[in-house]
Amino acid sequence: MHLVPADRAERRTIDGHRVCDAIAAIGDEAHVRTWADRFSLLADPKRLALLLALHRTGPLAVSDLAIATGMNDPAVSQALRLLRAAGVVTGEKEGRVVRYRLVDDDTRLLLKHCAADGP
């Protein structure tokens, strides 16, 4: 039970070797937090809809995303601000139009599974 932290070492285990395997599988707390944050971005149905649209179609403007998702422009802009701050999307300005696109590869892989037909 070499991976068990000192503050938990005195606790009784049933399968000590599996406890160590579980601790190794969990890994670094910061890595777990990063993934939890990523999943929280996807947990909102409207943000997920925006990301699925960008994943499937490529760059889109706020007004086009609003029409595609049934959201209003301010709600789309707010969601995109959050996604941009998280490094998931980026905006590219062309004149007066900003088109947003997905840039995070880990999120892209998750969306690939979300976008697959059927459960």
C-alpha atoms as a PDB file:
ATOM      1  CA  MET A   1       0.000   0.000   0.000  1.00  0.00           C
ATOM      2  CA  HIS A   2       2.802   2.296  -0.978  1.00  0.00           C
ATOM      3  CA  LEU A   3       0.549   4.898  -2.680  1.00  0.00           C
ATOM      4  CA  VAL A   4      -1.800   5.477   0.239  1.00  0.00           C
ATOM      5  CA  PRO A   5      -1.221   8.961   1.710  1.00  0.00           C
ATOM      6  CA  ALA A   6      -0.014   9.047   5.303  1.00  0.00           C
ATOM      7  CA  ASP A   7      -3.291  10.546   6.549  1.00  0.00           C
ATOM      8  CA  ARG A   8      -5.150   7.446   5.276  1.00  0.00           C
ATOM      9  CA  ALA A   9      -2.520   4.764   5.932  1.00  0.00           C
ATOM     10  CA  GLU A  10      -4.068   3.521   9.184  1.00  0.00           C
ATOM     11  CA  ARG A  11      -7.503   2.905   7.642  1.00  0.00           C
ATOM     12  CA  ARG A  12      -8.575  -0.679   7.072  1.00  0.00           C
ATOM     13  CA  THR A  13      -8.645  -1.908   3.468  1.00  0.00           C
ATOM     14  CA  ILE A  14     -10.211  -4.964   1.900  1.00  0.00           C
ATOM     15  CA  ASP A  15      -8.111  -5.113  -1.270  1.00  0.00           C
ATOM     16  CA  GLY A  16      -4.998  -3.066  -0.581  1.00  0.00           C
ATOM     17  CA  HIS A  17      -3.444  -3.662  -4.003  1.00  0.00           C
ATOM     18  CA  ARG A  18      -6.607  -2.393  -5.673  1.00  0.00           C
ATOM     19  CA  VAL A  19      -6.581   0.689  -3.472  1.00  0.00           C
ATOM     20  CA  CYS A  20      -3.102   1.500  -4.796  1.00  0.00           C
ATOM     21  CA  ASP A  21      -4.293   0.863  -8.365  1.00  0.00           C
ATOM     22  CA  ALA A  22      -7.263   3.182  -7.748  1.00  0.00           C
ATOM     23  CA  ILE A  23      -5.001   5.916  -6.368  1.00  0.00           C
ATOM     24  CA  ALA A  24      -2.730   5.580  -9.408  1.00  0.00           C
ATOM     25  CA  ALA A  25      -5.765   5.713 -11.725  1.00  0.00           C
ATOM     26  CA  ILE A  26      -7.017   8.922 -10.104  1.00  0.00           C
ATOM     27  CA  GLY A  27      -3.628  10.567 -10.510  1.00  0.00           C
ATOM     28  CA  ASP A  28      -2.786  14.180  -9.801  1.00  0.00           C
ATOM     29  CA  GLU A  29      -5.506  16.301  -8.165  1.00  0.00           C
ATOM     30  CA  ALA A  30      -4.838  19.203 -10.542  1.00  0.00           C
ATOM     31  CA  HIS A  31      -5.368  16.909 -13.535  1.00  0.00           C
ATOM     32  CA  VAL A  32      -8.656  15.680 -12.073  1.00  0.00           C
ATOM     33  CA  ARG A  33      -9.757  19.298 -11.474  1.00  0.00           C
ATOM     34  CA  THR A  34      -8.897  20.225 -15.075  1.00  0.00           C
ATOM     35  CA  TRP A  35     -11.085  17.435 -16.414  1.00  0.00           C
ATOM     36  CA  ALA A  36     -13.893  18.232 -13.964  1.00  0.00           C
ATOM     37  CA  ASP A  37     -13.830  21.836 -15.185  1.00  0.00           C
ATOM     38  CA  ARG A  38     -13.941  20.664 -18.790  1.00  0.00           C
ATOM     39  CA  PHE A  39     -16.929  18.427 -18.050  1.00  0.00           C
ATOM     40  CA  SER A  40     -18.692  21.307 -16.289  1.00  0.00           C
ATOM     41  CA  LEU A  41     -18.421  23.338 -19.507  1.00  0.00           C
ATOM     42  CA  LEU A  42     -20.128  20.506 -21.372  1.00  0.00           C
ATOM     43  CA  ALA A  43     -22.765  19.971 -18.658  1.00  0.00           C
ATOM     44  CA  ASP A  44     -24.882  22.930 -19.802  1.00  0.00           C
ATOM     45  CA  PRO A  45     -27.155  21.874 -22.706  1.00  0.00           C
ATOM     46  CA  LYS A  46     -26.911  25.267 -24.444  1.00  0.00           C
ATOM     47  CA  ARG A  47     -23.111  25.381 -24.283  1.00  0.00           C
ATOM     48  CA  LEU A  48     -22.986  21.785 -25.451  1.00  0.00           C
ATOM     49  CA  ALA A  49     -25.257  22.676 -28.382  1.00  0.00           C
ATOM     50  CA  LEU A  50     -22.942  25.562 -29.324  1.00  0.00           C
ATOM     51  CA  LEU A  51     -19.908  23.317 -29.155  1.00  0.00           C
ATOM     52  CA  LEU A  52     -21.570  20.571 -31.185  1.00  0.00           C
ATOM     53  CA  ALA A  53     -22.498  23.114 -33.862  1.00  0.00           C
ATOM     54  CA  LEU A  54     -18.933  24.438 -34.005  1.00  0.00           C
ATOM     55  CA  HIS A  55     -17.538  20.903 -33.981  1.00  0.00           C
ATOM     56  CA  ARG A  56     -19.656  19.826 -36.943  1.00  0.00           C
ATOM     57  CA  THR A  57     -19.612  22.982 -39.062  1.00  0.00           C
ATOM     58  CA  GLY A  58     -16.489  24.914 -38.231  1.00  0.00           C
ATOM     59  CA  PRO A  59     -16.378  28.688 -37.682  1.00  0.00           C
ATOM     60  CA  LEU A  60     -19.716  30.433 -37.133  1.00  0.00           C
ATOM     61  CA  ALA A  61     -20.768  33.950 -36.144  1.00  0.00           C
ATOM     62  CA  VAL A  62     -22.820  34.665 -33.015  1.00  0.00           C
ATOM     63  CA  SER A  63     -26.025  35.371 -34.955  1.00  0.00           C
ATOM     64  CA  ASP A  64     -25.704  32.126 -36.916  1.00  0.00           C
ATOM     65  CA  LEU A  65     -25.078  30.162 -33.725  1.00  0.00           C
ATOM     66  CA  ALA A  66     -28.127  31.819 -32.156  1.00  0.00           C
ATOM     67  CA  ILE A  67     -30.321  30.686 -35.031  1.00  0.00           C
ATOM     68  CA  ALA A  68     -28.844  27.168 -35.016  1.00  0.00           C
ATOM     69  CA  THR A  69     -29.308  26.679 -31.266  1.00  0.00           C
ATOM     70  CA  GLY A  70     -32.508  28.645 -30.692  1.00  0.00           C
ATOM     71  CA  MET A  71     -30.731  30.968 -28.271  1.00  0.00           C
ATOM     72  CA  ASN A  72     -30.696  34.751 -28.430  1.00  0.00           C
ATOM     73  CA  ASP A  73     -27.548  36.631 -29.444  1.00  0.00           C
ATOM     74  CA  PRO A  74     -26.658  37.903 -25.930  1.00  0.00           C
ATOM     75  CA  ALA A  75     -26.949  34.390 -24.473  1.00  0.00           C
ATOM     76  CA  VAL A  76     -24.693  33.007 -27.216  1.00  0.00           C
ATOM     77  CA  SER A  77     -22.172  35.795 -26.626  1.00  0.00           C
ATOM     78  CA  GLN A  78     -22.142  35.104 -22.881  1.00  0.00           C
ATOM     79  CA  ALA A  79     -21.618  31.370 -23.408  1.00  0.00           C
ATOM     80  CA  LEU A  80     -18.857  32.033 -25.934  1.00  0.00           C
ATOM     81  CA  ARG A  81     -17.123  34.375 -23.467  1.00  0.00           C
ATOM     82  CA  LEU A  82     -17.025  31.541 -20.946  1.00  0.00           C
ATOM     83  CA  LEU A  83     -15.819  29.020 -23.524  1.00  0.00           C
ATOM     84  CA  ARG A  84     -13.196  31.458 -24.805  1.00  0.00           C
ATOM     85  CA  ALA A  85     -11.922  32.134 -21.273  1.00  0.00           C
ATOM     86  CA  ALA A  86     -11.565  28.367 -20.788  1.00  0.00           C
ATOM     87  CA  GLY A  87      -9.531  28.101 -23.998  1.00  0.00           C
ATOM     88  CA  VAL A  88     -12.091  25.903 -25.728  1.00  0.00           C
ATOM     89  CA  VAL A  89     -13.022  28.300 -28.551  1.00  0.00           C
ATOM     90  CA  THR A  90     -11.439  31.278 -30.208  1.00  0.00           C
ATOM     91  CA  GLY A  91     -12.864  34.102 -32.280  1.00  0.00           C
ATOM     92  CA  GLU A  92     -11.429  35.291 -35.572  1.00  0.00           C
ATOM     93  CA  LYS A  93     -12.464  38.725 -36.706  1.00  0.00           C
ATOM     94  CA  GLU A  94     -13.172  39.311 -40.395  1.00  0.00           C
ATOM     95  CA  GLY A  95     -14.144  42.938 -40.797  1.00  0.00           C
ATOM     96  CA  ARG A  96     -17.062  43.475 -38.430  1.00  0.00           C
ATOM     97  CA  VAL A  97     -17.889  39.778 -38.115  1.00  0.00           C
ATOM     98  CA  VAL A  98     -16.314  37.472 -35.529  1.00  0.00           C
ATOM     99  CA  ARG A  99     -16.481  33.783 -36.311  1.00  0.00           C
ATOM    100  CA  TYR A 100     -15.887  31.336 -33.483  1.00  0.00           C
ATOM    101  CA  ARG A 101     -14.241  27.968 -33.806  1.00  0.00           C
ATOM    102  CA  LEU A 102     -13.357  25.079 -31.547  1.00  0.00           C
ATOM    103  CA  VAL A 103      -9.648  24.954 -30.652  1.00  0.00           C
ATOM    104  CA  ASP A 104      -9.340  22.510 -27.735  1.00  0.00           C
ATOM    105  CA  ASP A 105      -8.395  19.026 -28.926  1.00  0.00           C
ATOM    106  CA  ASP A 106      -9.537  17.258 -25.743  1.00  0.00           C
ATOM    107  CA  THR A 107     -12.976  18.864 -26.018  1.00  0.00           C
ATOM    108  CA  ARG A 108     -13.061  17.969 -29.716  1.00  0.00           C
ATOM    109  CA  LEU A 109     -12.543  14.289 -28.825  1.00  0.00           C
ATOM    110  CA  LEU A 110     -15.322  14.417 -26.232  1.00  0.00           C
ATOM    111  CA  LEU A 111     -17.663  16.062 -28.734  1.00  0.00           C
ATOM    112  CA  LYS A 112     -16.889  13.369 -31.267  1.00  0.00           C
ATOM    113  CA  HIS A 113     -18.443  10.880 -28.852  1.00  0.00           C
ATOM    114  CA  CYS A 114     -21.377  13.206 -28.063  1.00  0.00           C
ATOM    115  CA  ALA A 115     -22.109  13.733 -31.735  1.00  0.00           C
ATOM    116  CA  ALA A 116     -22.140  10.033 -32.593  1.00  0.00           C
ATOM    117  CA  ASP A 117     -25.532   8.758 -33.670  1.00  0.00           C
ATOM    118  CA  GLY A 118     -27.461   6.998 -30.944  1.00  0.00           C
ATOM    119  CA  PRO A 119     -26.750   6.559 -27.228  1.00  0.00           C
END
